[in-house]
Amino acid sequence: MKGRILRQALSSLEAVQLRLVVEATQFQTARLLVHWAAARMHAGQRMGTESETAKIFASDVAMQRAVASMRIHTATATRRSSRSSGSTGMPR
């Protein structure tokens, strides 16, 4: 039952669904900020603060998602390793 907990798909769990909605909202917000700053630049308007805001927010969202992804994959690999080796997965 790969990717399932308690005999249901991970995506069906309410906490996972909420997390995915939050992540999608953050990605969309970052995308819109970048497009907004680019539109101001193409229109010849001032955009110092706007571009910095977009860059910082988009970079922060990307870093958060990368770290979250590594945590998920590390936890999965640790569980697989401990099951195959018979260890508890805890440091000694």
C-alpha atoms as a PDB file:
ATOM      1  CA  MET A   1       0.000   0.000   0.000  1.00  0.00           C
ATOM      2  CA  LYS A   2       2.493   2.574  -1.176  1.00  0.00           C
ATOM      3  CA  GLY A   3       1.587   6.142  -0.179  1.00  0.00           C
ATOM      4  CA  ARG A   4      -1.272   5.104   2.079  1.00  0.00           C
ATOM      5  CA  ILE A   5      -1.838   5.532   5.795  1.00  0.00           C
ATOM      6  CA  LEU A   6      -4.583   3.694   7.635  1.00  0.00           C
ATOM      7  CA  ARG A   7      -5.775   2.255   4.321  1.00  0.00           C
ATOM      8  CA  GLN A   8      -6.534   5.598   2.729  1.00  0.00           C
ATOM      9  CA  ALA A   9      -4.565   7.705   0.282  1.00  0.00           C
ATOM     10  CA  LEU A  10      -2.443  10.456   1.831  1.00  0.00           C
ATOM     11  CA  SER A  11      -4.168  13.027  -0.372  1.00  0.00           C
ATOM     12  CA  SER A  12      -7.508  12.146   1.239  1.00  0.00           C
ATOM     13  CA  LEU A  13      -6.335  13.224   4.705  1.00  0.00           C
ATOM     14  CA  GLU A  14      -7.669  16.643   5.686  1.00  0.00           C
ATOM     15  CA  ALA A  15      -4.315  17.899   7.030  1.00  0.00           C
ATOM     16  CA  VAL A  16      -2.581  16.980   3.765  1.00  0.00           C
ATOM     17  CA  GLN A  17      -5.305  18.651   1.717  1.00  0.00           C
ATOM     18  CA  LEU A  18      -4.998  21.832   3.780  1.00  0.00           C
ATOM     19  CA  ARG A  19      -1.213  21.854   3.372  1.00  0.00           C
ATOM     20  CA  LEU A  20      -1.551  21.446  -0.399  1.00  0.00           C
ATOM     21  CA  VAL A  21      -4.020  24.350  -0.583  1.00  0.00           C
ATOM     22  CA  VAL A  22      -1.677  26.572   1.438  1.00  0.00           C
ATOM     23  CA  GLU A  23       1.259  25.650  -0.807  1.00  0.00           C
ATOM     24  CA  ALA A  24      -0.747  26.300  -3.973  1.00  0.00           C
ATOM     25  CA  THR A  25      -1.804  29.684  -2.588  1.00  0.00           C
ATOM     26  CA  GLN A  26       1.799  30.591  -1.807  1.00  0.00           C
ATOM     27  CA  PHE A  27       2.965  29.574  -5.292  1.00  0.00           C
ATOM     28  CA  GLN A  28       0.180  31.558  -6.948  1.00  0.00           C
ATOM     29  CA  THR A  29       0.910  34.621  -4.806  1.00  0.00           C
ATOM     30  CA  ALA A  30       4.616  34.462  -5.668  1.00  0.00           C
ATOM     31  CA  ARG A  31       3.810  34.086  -9.362  1.00  0.00           C
ATOM     32  CA  LEU A  32       1.423  37.044  -9.343  1.00  0.00           C
ATOM     33  CA  LEU A  33       3.922  39.248  -7.490  1.00  0.00           C
ATOM     34  CA  VAL A  34       6.619  38.467 -10.064  1.00  0.00           C
ATOM     35  CA  HIS A  35       4.238  39.178 -12.960  1.00  0.00           C
ATOM     36  CA  TRP A  36       3.121  42.425 -11.311  1.00  0.00           C
ATOM     37  CA  ALA A  37       6.713  43.627 -10.881  1.00  0.00           C
ATOM     38  CA  ALA A  38       7.538  42.649 -14.473  1.00  0.00           C
ATOM     39  CA  ALA A  39       4.480  44.507 -15.786  1.00  0.00           C
ATOM     40  CA  ARG A  40       5.561  47.653 -13.917  1.00  0.00           C
ATOM     41  CA  MET A  41       9.044  47.345 -15.393  1.00  0.00           C
ATOM     42  CA  HIS A  42       7.697  46.919 -18.947  1.00  0.00           C
ATOM     43  CA  ALA A  43       5.433  49.950 -18.434  1.00  0.00           C
ATOM     44  CA  GLY A  44       8.449  52.028 -17.424  1.00  0.00           C
ATOM     45  CA  GLN A  45       7.201  52.575 -13.874  1.00  0.00           C
ATOM     46  CA  ARG A  46       9.313  52.587 -10.727  1.00  0.00           C
ATOM     47  CA  MET A  47       9.647  49.095  -9.341  1.00  0.00           C
ATOM     48  CA  GLY A  48      12.445  48.981  -6.783  1.00  0.00           C
ATOM     49  CA  THR A  49      10.369  47.880  -3.813  1.00  0.00           C
ATOM     50  CA  GLU A  50       7.998  45.837  -5.960  1.00  0.00           C
ATOM     51  CA  SER A  51      10.732  43.740  -7.546  1.00  0.00           C
ATOM     52  CA  GLU A  52      12.474  43.187  -4.217  1.00  0.00           C
ATOM     53  CA  THR A  53       9.212  42.133  -2.588  1.00  0.00           C
ATOM     54  CA  ALA A  54       8.469  39.684  -5.402  1.00  0.00           C
ATOM     55  CA  LYS A  55      11.998  38.290  -5.373  1.00  0.00           C
ATOM     56  CA  ILE A  56      12.120  37.800  -1.602  1.00  0.00           C
ATOM     57  CA  PHE A  57       8.667  36.233  -1.390  1.00  0.00           C
ATOM     58  CA  ALA A  58       9.228  33.885  -4.350  1.00  0.00           C
ATOM     59  CA  SER A  59      12.647  32.825  -3.017  1.00  0.00           C
ATOM     60  CA  ASP A  60      11.211  32.182   0.436  1.00  0.00           C
ATOM     61  CA  VAL A  61       8.345  30.077  -0.935  1.00  0.00           C
ATOM     62  CA  ALA A  62      10.753  28.066  -3.106  1.00  0.00           C
ATOM     63  CA  MET A  63      13.091  27.422  -0.161  1.00  0.00           C
ATOM     64  CA  GLN A  64      10.224  26.379   2.138  1.00  0.00           C
ATOM     65  CA  ARG A  65       8.937  23.926  -0.462  1.00  0.00           C
ATOM     66  CA  ALA A  66      12.414  22.485  -1.085  1.00  0.00           C
ATOM     67  CA  VAL A  67      12.988  21.923   2.643  1.00  0.00           C
ATOM     68  CA  ALA A  68       9.524  20.381   3.089  1.00  0.00           C
ATOM     69  CA  SER A  69      10.147  18.056   0.160  1.00  0.00           C
ATOM     70  CA  MET A  70      13.509  16.961   1.570  1.00  0.00           C
ATOM     71  CA  ARG A  71      11.890  16.249   4.955  1.00  0.00           C
ATOM     72  CA  ILE A  72       9.231  14.073   3.357  1.00  0.00           C
ATOM     73  CA  HIS A  73      11.710  12.140   1.217  1.00  0.00           C
ATOM     74  CA  THR A  74      14.202  11.757   4.075  1.00  0.00           C
ATOM     75  CA  ALA A  75      11.501  10.394   6.374  1.00  0.00           C
ATOM     76  CA  THR A  76      10.369   7.959   3.677  1.00  0.00           C
ATOM     77  CA  ALA A  77      13.929   6.775   3.021  1.00  0.00           C
ATOM     78  CA  THR A  78      14.615   6.396   6.747  1.00  0.00           C
ATOM     79  CA  ARG A  79      11.483   4.282   7.218  1.00  0.00           C
ATOM     80  CA  ARG A  80      12.348   2.086   4.244  1.00  0.00           C
ATOM     81  CA  SER A  81      15.909   1.647   5.468  1.00  0.00           C
ATOM     82  CA  SER A  82      14.876   0.762   9.007  1.00  0.00           C
ATOM     83  CA  ARG A  83      12.342  -1.795   7.770  1.00  0.00           C
ATOM     84  CA  SER A  84      14.847  -3.524   5.500  1.00  0.00           C
ATOM     85  CA  SER A  85      17.705  -3.555   8.007  1.00  0.00           C
ATOM     86  CA  GLY A  86      15.634  -4.331  11.067  1.00  0.00           C
ATOM     87  CA  SER A  87      16.928  -1.262  12.899  1.00  0.00           C
ATOM     88  CA  THR A  88      14.735   1.182  14.748  1.00  0.00           C
ATOM     89  CA  GLY A  89      15.951   4.125  12.677  1.00  0.00           C
ATOM     90  CA  MET A  90      17.022   5.876  15.879  1.00  0.00           C
ATOM     91  CA  PRO A  91      20.594   7.125  16.317  1.00  0.00           C
ATOM     92  CA  ARG A  92      22.711   5.288  18.856  1.00  0.00           C
END
